Amino acid sequence: MSEHHSGPVETGASMDYKEHEKTYDLFIAGTKYGTAILVALMIAMAAGFFGGAGLLGGFFIWIVLSVAGVFMMR
């Protein structure tokens, strides 16, 4: 805020594009893997509640589907 830049206001300060790309890649990876785990959770909840698998069966299904989903996303 206290820095004084010379030149047009539109250009602003110089950007660290390498760091920007790392942040973007991390965001995309988090979104991808997070979605896979949440989809596995929804399937496991449906199996546990409606399929008769129960709490432990639903938890086991969630673990198996999460590992499979993350493995397939790599």
PDB file of N, CA and C in Angstrom:
ATOM      1  N   MET A   1       0.825  -1.197   0.000  1.00  0.00           N
ATOM      2  CA  MET A   1       0.000   0.000   0.000  1.00  0.00           C
ATOM      3  C   MET A   1       0.865   1.254   0.000  1.00  0.00           C
ATOM      4  N   SER A   2       2.000   1.211   0.705  1.00  0.00           N
ATOM      5  CA  SER A   2       2.824   2.401   0.798  1.00  0.00           C
ATOM      6  C   SER A   2       3.806   2.513  -0.367  1.00  0.00           C
ATOM      7  N   GLU A   3       3.861   1.495  -1.218  1.00  0.00           N
ATOM      8  CA  GLU A   3       4.775   1.552  -2.354  1.00  0.00           C
ATOM      9  C   GLU A   3       4.221   2.497  -3.411  1.00  0.00           C
ATOM     10  N   HIS A   4       5.115   3.214  -4.035  1.00  0.00           N
ATOM     11  CA  HIS A   4       4.718   4.126  -5.105  1.00  0.00           C
ATOM     12  C   HIS A   4       5.253   3.567  -6.418  1.00  0.00           C
ATOM     13  N   HIS A   5       4.351   3.220  -7.301  1.00  0.00           N
ATOM     14  CA  HIS A   5       4.725   2.660  -8.593  1.00  0.00           C
ATOM     15  C   HIS A   5       4.636   3.752  -9.645  1.00  0.00           C
ATOM     16  N   SER A   6       5.610   3.774 -10.500  1.00  0.00           N
ATOM     17  CA  SER A   6       5.543   4.711 -11.612  1.00  0.00           C
ATOM     18  C   SER A   6       4.998   3.965 -12.817  1.00  0.00           C
ATOM     19  N   GLY A   7       4.304   4.638 -13.641  1.00  0.00           N
ATOM     20  CA  GLY A   7       3.738   4.017 -14.820  1.00  0.00           C
ATOM     21  C   GLY A   7       2.223   3.974 -14.752  1.00  0.00           C
ATOM     22  N   PRO A   8       1.598   3.378 -15.755  1.00  0.00           N
ATOM     23  CA  PRO A   8       0.134   3.343 -15.791  1.00  0.00           C
ATOM     24  C   PRO A   8      -0.444   2.507 -14.648  1.00  0.00           C
ATOM     25  N   VAL A   9      -1.592   2.896 -14.196  1.00  0.00           N
ATOM     26  CA  VAL A   9      -2.259   2.204 -13.101  1.00  0.00           C
ATOM     27  C   VAL A   9      -2.748   0.835 -13.558  1.00  0.00           C
ATOM     28  N   GLU A  10      -3.092   0.681 -14.826  1.00  0.00           N
ATOM     29  CA  GLU A  10      -3.642  -0.559 -15.345  1.00  0.00           C
ATOM     30  C   GLU A  10      -2.663  -1.723 -15.221  1.00  0.00           C
ATOM     31  N   THR A  11      -1.371  -1.453 -15.325  1.00  0.00           N
ATOM     32  CA  THR A  11      -0.393  -2.529 -15.273  1.00  0.00           C
ATOM     33  C   THR A  11      -0.161  -3.006 -13.850  1.00  0.00           C
ATOM     34  N   GLY A  12      -0.261  -2.153 -12.875  1.00  0.00           N
ATOM     35  CA  GLY A  12      -0.090  -2.549 -11.483  1.00  0.00           C
ATOM     36  C   GLY A  12       1.313  -3.048 -11.200  1.00  0.00           C
ATOM     37  N   ALA A  13       1.443  -3.758 -10.105  1.00  0.00           N
ATOM     38  CA  ALA A  13       2.747  -4.304  -9.727  1.00  0.00           C
ATOM     39  C   ALA A  13       3.036  -5.557 -10.537  1.00  0.00           C
ATOM     40  N   SER A  14       4.305  -5.903 -10.592  1.00  0.00           N
ATOM     41  CA  SER A  14       4.661  -7.120 -11.328  1.00  0.00           C
ATOM     42  C   SER A  14       4.139  -8.340 -10.575  1.00  0.00           C
ATOM     43  N   MET A  15       3.752  -9.375 -11.343  1.00  0.00           N
ATOM     44  CA  MET A  15       3.168 -10.574 -10.744  1.00  0.00           C
ATOM     45  C   MET A  15       4.177 -11.710 -10.782  1.00  0.00           C
ATOM     46  N   ASP A  16       4.056 -12.598  -9.812  1.00  0.00           N
ATOM     47  CA  ASP A  16       4.865 -13.807  -9.764  1.00  0.00           C
ATOM     48  C   ASP A  16       4.034 -14.915 -10.423  1.00  0.00           C
ATOM     49  N   TYR A  17       4.206 -15.090 -11.726  1.00  0.00           N
ATOM     50  CA  TYR A  17       3.362 -16.018 -12.476  1.00  0.00           C
ATOM     51  C   TYR A  17       3.601 -17.475 -12.080  1.00  0.00           C
ATOM     52  N   LYS A  18       4.819 -17.824 -11.694  1.00  0.00           N
ATOM     53  CA  LYS A  18       5.102 -19.185 -11.285  1.00  0.00           C
ATOM     54  C   LYS A  18       4.310 -19.523 -10.013  1.00  0.00           C
ATOM     55  N   GLU A  19       4.279 -18.610  -9.064  1.00  0.00           N
ATOM     56  CA  GLU A  19       3.515 -18.827  -7.834  1.00  0.00           C
ATOM     57  C   GLU A  19       2.014 -18.850  -8.123  1.00  0.00           C
ATOM     58  N   HIS A  20       1.572 -18.029  -9.046  1.00  0.00           N
ATOM     59  CA  HIS A  20       0.166 -18.013  -9.437  1.00  0.00           C
ATOM     60  C   HIS A  20      -0.247 -19.355 -10.042  1.00  0.00           C
ATOM     61  N   GLU A  21       0.586 -19.910 -10.884  1.00  0.00           N
ATOM     62  CA  GLU A  21       0.281 -21.205 -11.494  1.00  0.00           C
ATOM     63  C   GLU A  21       0.291 -22.332 -10.465  1.00  0.00           C
ATOM     64  N   LYS A  22       1.189 -22.275  -9.484  1.00  0.00           N
ATOM     65  CA  LYS A  22       1.202 -23.280  -8.420  1.00  0.00           C
ATOM     66  C   LYS A  22      -0.084 -23.217  -7.596  1.00  0.00           C
ATOM     67  N   THR A  23      -0.537 -22.006  -7.295  1.00  0.00           N
ATOM     68  CA  THR A  23      -1.770 -21.842  -6.533  1.00  0.00           C
ATOM     69  C   THR A  23      -2.965 -22.359  -7.325  1.00  0.00           C
ATOM     70  N   TYR A  24      -3.010 -22.066  -8.600  1.00  0.00           N
ATOM     71  CA  TYR A  24      -4.101 -22.526  -9.446  1.00  0.00           C
ATOM     72  C   TYR A  24      -4.119 -24.052  -9.535  1.00  0.00           C
ATOM     73  N   ASP A  25      -2.945 -24.663  -9.718  1.00  0.00           N
ATOM     74  CA  ASP A  25      -2.867 -26.125  -9.788  1.00  0.00           C
ATOM     75  C   ASP A  25      -3.299 -26.763  -8.478  1.00  0.00           C
ATOM     76  N   LEU A  26      -2.931 -26.165  -7.350  1.00  0.00           N
ATOM     77  CA  LEU A  26      -3.337 -26.678  -6.043  1.00  0.00           C
ATOM     78  C   LEU A  26      -4.849 -26.568  -5.862  1.00  0.00           C
ATOM     79  N   PHE A  27      -5.433 -25.461  -6.302  1.00  0.00           N
ATOM     80  CA  PHE A  27      -6.878 -25.287  -6.218  1.00  0.00           C
ATOM     81  C   PHE A  27      -7.613 -26.323  -7.072  1.00  0.00           C
ATOM     82  N   ILE A  28      -7.151 -26.549  -8.284  1.00  0.00           N
ATOM     83  CA  ILE A  28      -7.784 -27.523  -9.169  1.00  0.00           C
ATOM     84  C   ILE A  28      -7.673 -28.932  -8.585  1.00  0.00           C
ATOM     85  N   ALA A  29      -6.508 -29.285  -8.039  1.00  0.00           N
ATOM     86  CA  ALA A  29      -6.329 -30.611  -7.435  1.00  0.00           C
ATOM     87  C   ALA A  29      -7.223 -30.782  -6.215  1.00  0.00           C
ATOM     88  N   GLY A  30      -7.312 -29.766  -5.380  1.00  0.00           N
ATOM     89  CA  GLY A  30      -8.187 -29.837  -4.208  1.00  0.00           C
ATOM     90  C   GLY A  30      -9.643 -29.981  -4.581  1.00  0.00           C
ATOM     91  N   THR A  31     -10.058 -29.270  -5.610  1.00  0.00           N
ATOM     92  CA  THR A  31     -11.435 -29.369  -6.079  1.00  0.00           C
ATOM     93  C   THR A  31     -11.722 -30.745  -6.650  1.00  0.00           C
ATOM     94  N   LYS A  32     -10.794 -31.274  -7.422  1.00  0.00           N
ATOM     95  CA  LYS A  32     -10.975 -32.581  -8.054  1.00  0.00           C
ATOM     96  C   LYS A  32     -11.073 -33.690  -7.017  1.00  0.00           C
ATOM     97  N   TYR A  33     -10.100 -33.737  -6.109  1.00  0.00           N
ATOM     98  CA  TYR A  33     -10.093 -34.795  -5.099  1.00  0.00           C
ATOM     99  C   TYR A  33     -11.203 -34.610  -4.074  1.00  0.00           C
ATOM    100  N   GLY A  34     -11.501 -33.371  -3.722  1.00  0.00           N
ATOM    101  CA  GLY A  34     -12.598 -33.113  -2.795  1.00  0.00           C
ATOM    102  C   GLY A  34     -13.939 -33.552  -3.356  1.00  0.00           C
ATOM    103  N   THR A  35     -14.151 -33.322  -4.638  1.00  0.00           N
ATOM    104  CA  THR A  35     -15.388 -33.758  -5.280  1.00  0.00           C
ATOM    105  C   THR A  35     -15.475 -35.282  -5.309  1.00  0.00           C
ATOM    106  N   ALA A  36     -14.371 -35.950  -5.592  1.00  0.00           N
ATOM    107  CA  ALA A  36     -14.371 -37.420  -5.613  1.00  0.00           C
ATOM    108  C   ALA A  36     -14.707 -37.980  -4.232  1.00  0.00           C
ATOM    109  N   ILE A  37     -14.157 -37.394  -3.186  1.00  0.00           N
ATOM    110  CA  ILE A  37     -14.424 -37.881  -1.836  1.00  0.00           C
ATOM    111  C   ILE A  37     -15.862 -37.589  -1.420  1.00  0.00           C
ATOM    112  N   LEU A  38     -16.389 -36.424  -1.797  1.00  0.00           N
ATOM    113  CA  LEU A  38     -17.780 -36.105  -1.454  1.00  0.00           C
ATOM    114  C   LEU A  38     -18.774 -36.987  -2.211  1.00  0.00           C
ATOM    115  N   VAL A  39     -18.491 -37.309  -3.458  1.00  0.00           N
ATOM    116  CA  VAL A  39     -19.362 -38.221  -4.209  1.00  0.00           C
ATOM    117  C   VAL A  39     -19.338 -39.604  -3.559  1.00  0.00           C
ATOM    118  N   ALA A  40     -18.148 -40.057  -3.148  1.00  0.00           N
ATOM    119  CA  ALA A  40     -18.045 -41.346  -2.450  1.00  0.00           C
ATOM    120  C   ALA A  40     -18.824 -41.309  -1.140  1.00  0.00           C
ATOM    121  N   LEU A  41     -18.788 -40.186  -0.447  1.00  0.00           N
ATOM    122  CA  LEU A  41     -19.537 -40.048   0.805  1.00  0.00           C
ATOM    123  C   LEU A  41     -21.042 -40.130   0.568  1.00  0.00           C
ATOM    124  N   MET A  42     -21.518 -39.481  -0.478  1.00  0.00           N
ATOM    125  CA  MET A  42     -22.958 -39.527  -0.777  1.00  0.00           C
ATOM    126  C   MET A  42     -23.407 -40.948  -1.134  1.00  0.00           C
ATOM    127  N   ILE A  43     -22.609 -41.658  -1.909  1.00  0.00           N
ATOM    128  CA  ILE A  43     -22.937 -43.043  -2.263  1.00  0.00           C
ATOM    129  C   ILE A  43     -22.926 -43.920  -1.021  1.00  0.00           C
ATOM    130  N   ALA A  44     -21.919 -43.730  -0.149  1.00  0.00           N
ATOM    131  CA  ALA A  44     -21.832 -44.529   1.069  1.00  0.00           C
ATOM    132  C   ALA A  44     -22.988 -44.229   2.016  1.00  0.00           C
ATOM    133  N   MET A  45     -23.411 -42.977   2.096  1.00  0.00           N
ATOM    134  CA  MET A  45     -24.555 -42.628   2.941  1.00  0.00           C
ATOM    135  C   MET A  45     -25.828 -43.270   2.413  1.00  0.00           C
ATOM    136  N   ALA A  46     -25.992 -43.267   1.109  1.00  0.00           N
ATOM    137  CA  ALA A  46     -27.172 -43.910   0.529  1.00  0.00           C
ATOM    138  C   ALA A  46     -27.137 -45.416   0.786  1.00  0.00           C
ATOM    139  N   ALA A  47     -25.972 -46.029   0.668  1.00  0.00           N
ATOM    140  CA  ALA A  47     -25.865 -47.467   0.932  1.00  0.00           C
ATOM    141  C   ALA A  47     -26.127 -47.762   2.404  1.00  0.00           C
ATOM    142  N   GLY A  48     -25.635 -46.907   3.284  1.00  0.00           N
ATOM    143  CA  GLY A  48     -25.824 -47.128   4.706  1.00  0.00           C
ATOM    144  C   GLY A  48     -27.254 -46.909   5.157  1.00  0.00           C
ATOM    145  N   PHE A  49     -27.903 -45.882   4.637  1.00  0.00           N
ATOM    146  CA  PHE A  49     -29.258 -45.539   5.077  1.00  0.00           C
ATOM    147  C   PHE A  49     -30.329 -46.366   4.383  1.00  0.00           C
ATOM    148  N   PHE A  50     -30.198 -46.501   3.072  1.00  0.00           N
ATOM    149  CA  PHE A  50     -31.261 -47.137   2.302  1.00  0.00           C
ATOM    150  C   PHE A  50     -30.932 -48.562   1.887  1.00  0.00           C
ATOM    151  N   GLY A  51     -29.670 -48.913   1.819  1.00  0.00           N
ATOM    152  CA  GLY A  51     -29.273 -50.239   1.351  1.00  0.00           C
ATOM    153  C   GLY A  51     -29.115 -51.253   2.457  1.00  0.00           C
ATOM    154  N   GLY A  52     -29.228 -50.826   3.680  1.00  0.00           N
ATOM    155  CA  GLY A  52     -29.111 -51.743   4.792  1.00  0.00           C
ATOM    156  C   GLY A  52     -27.687 -52.067   5.188  1.00  0.00           C
ATOM    157  N   ALA A  53     -26.710 -51.306   4.722  1.00  0.00           N
ATOM    158  CA  ALA A  53     -25.314 -51.584   5.060  1.00  0.00           C
ATOM    159  C   ALA A  53     -24.994 -51.154   6.489  1.00  0.00           C
ATOM    160  N   GLY A  54     -25.732 -50.210   7.008  1.00  0.00           N
ATOM    161  CA  GLY A  54     -25.495 -49.740   8.360  1.00  0.00           C
ATOM    162  C   GLY A  54     -24.326 -48.781   8.441  1.00  0.00           C
ATOM    163  N   LEU A  55     -23.994 -48.381   9.666  1.00  0.00           N
ATOM    164  CA  LEU A  55     -22.930 -47.396   9.881  1.00  0.00           C
ATOM    165  C   LEU A  55     -21.564 -47.928   9.469  1.00  0.00           C
ATOM    166  N   LEU A  56     -21.203 -49.090   9.932  1.00  0.00           N
ATOM    167  CA  LEU A  56     -19.878 -49.627   9.611  1.00  0.00           C
ATOM    168  C   LEU A  56     -19.757 -50.010   8.143  1.00  0.00           C
ATOM    169  N   GLY A  57     -20.835 -50.547   7.581  1.00  0.00           N
ATOM    170  CA  GLY A  57     -20.816 -50.873   6.154  1.00  0.00           C
ATOM    171  C   GLY A  57     -20.702 -49.627   5.301  1.00  0.00           C
ATOM    172  N   GLY A  58     -21.423 -48.579   5.666  1.00  0.00           N
ATOM    173  CA  GLY A  58     -21.327 -47.309   4.940  1.00  0.00           C
ATOM    174  C   GLY A  58     -19.945 -46.698   5.044  1.00  0.00           C
ATOM    175  N   PHE A  59     -19.360 -46.799   6.254  1.00  0.00           N
ATOM    176  CA  PHE A  59     -17.998 -46.283   6.434  1.00  0.00           C
ATOM    177  C   PHE A  59     -17.005 -47.058   5.586  1.00  0.00           C
ATOM    178  N   PHE A  60     -17.142 -48.376   5.551  1.00  0.00           N
ATOM    179  CA  PHE A  60     -16.250 -49.209   4.734  1.00  0.00           C
ATOM    180  C   PHE A  60     -16.409 -48.879   3.247  1.00  0.00           C
ATOM    181  N   ILE A  61     -17.642 -48.716   2.806  1.00  0.00           N
ATOM    182  CA  ILE A  61     -17.898 -48.366   1.403  1.00  0.00           C
ATOM    183  C   ILE A  61     -17.285 -47.013   1.076  1.00  0.00           C
ATOM    184  N   TRP A  62     -17.392 -46.056   2.016  1.00  0.00           N
ATOM    185  CA  TRP A  62     -16.822 -44.724   1.798  1.00  0.00           C
ATOM    186  C   TRP A  62     -15.304 -44.794   1.654  1.00  0.00           C
ATOM    187  N   ILE A  63     -14.659 -45.573   2.523  1.00  0.00           N
ATOM    188  CA  ILE A  63     -13.201 -45.703   2.450  1.00  0.00           C
ATOM    189  C   ILE A  63     -12.785 -46.332   1.120  1.00  0.00           C
ATOM    190  N   VAL A  64     -13.455 -47.406   0.731  1.00  0.00           N
ATOM    191  CA  VAL A  64     -13.102 -48.103  -0.515  1.00  0.00           C
ATOM    192  C   VAL A  64     -13.319 -47.198  -1.718  1.00  0.00           C
ATOM    193  N   LEU A  65     -14.473 -46.534  -1.770  1.00  0.00           N
ATOM    194  CA  LEU A  65     -14.752 -45.641  -2.910  1.00  0.00           C
ATOM    195  C   LEU A  65     -13.843 -44.424  -2.934  1.00  0.00           C
ATOM    196  N   SER A  66     -13.477 -43.895  -1.766  1.00  0.00           N
ATOM    197  CA  SER A  66     -12.571 -42.751  -1.722  1.00  0.00           C
ATOM    198  C   SER A  66     -11.194 -43.123  -2.249  1.00  0.00           C
ATOM    199  N   VAL A  67     -10.690 -44.254  -1.817  1.00  0.00           N
ATOM    200  CA  VAL A  67      -9.372 -44.706  -2.292  1.00  0.00           C
ATOM    201  C   VAL A  67      -9.427 -44.968  -3.797  1.00  0.00           C
ATOM    202  N   ALA A  68     -10.491 -45.643  -4.246  1.00  0.00           N
ATOM    203  CA  ALA A  68     -10.617 -45.919  -5.684  1.00  0.00           C
ATOM    204  C   ALA A  68     -10.755 -44.629  -6.491  1.00  0.00           C
ATOM    205  N   GLY A  69     -11.528 -43.691  -6.007  1.00  0.00           N
ATOM    206  CA  GLY A  69     -11.716 -42.420  -6.714  1.00  0.00           C
ATOM    207  C   GLY A  69     -10.440 -41.613  -6.803  1.00  0.00           C
ATOM    208  N   VAL A  70      -9.706 -41.515  -5.701  1.00  0.00           N
ATOM    209  CA  VAL A  70      -8.451 -40.777  -5.708  1.00  0.00           C
ATOM    210  C   VAL A  70      -7.430 -41.468  -6.607  1.00  0.00           C
ATOM    211  N   PHE A  71      -7.398 -42.801  -6.570  1.00  0.00           N
ATOM    212  CA  PHE A  71      -6.479 -43.545  -7.430  1.00  0.00           C
ATOM    213  C   PHE A  71      -6.807 -43.323  -8.912  1.00  0.00           C
ATOM    214  N   MET A  72      -8.089 -43.305  -9.247  1.00  0.00           N
ATOM    215  CA  MET A  72      -8.483 -43.119 -10.655  1.00  0.00           C
ATOM    216  C   MET A  72      -8.252 -41.683 -11.113  1.00  0.00           C
ATOM    217  N   MET A  73      -8.260 -40.718 -10.216  1.00  0.00           N
ATOM    218  CA  MET A  73      -8.059 -39.310 -10.595  1.00  0.00           C
ATOM    219  C   MET A  73      -6.586 -38.973 -10.862  1.00  0.00           C
ATOM    220  N   ARG A  74      -5.680 -39.791 -10.391  1.00  0.00           N
ATOM    221  CA  ARG A  74      -4.244 -39.497 -10.542  1.00  0.00           C
ATOM    222  C   ARG A  74      -3.806 -39.575 -11.938  1.00  0.00           C
TER     223      ARG A  74
END
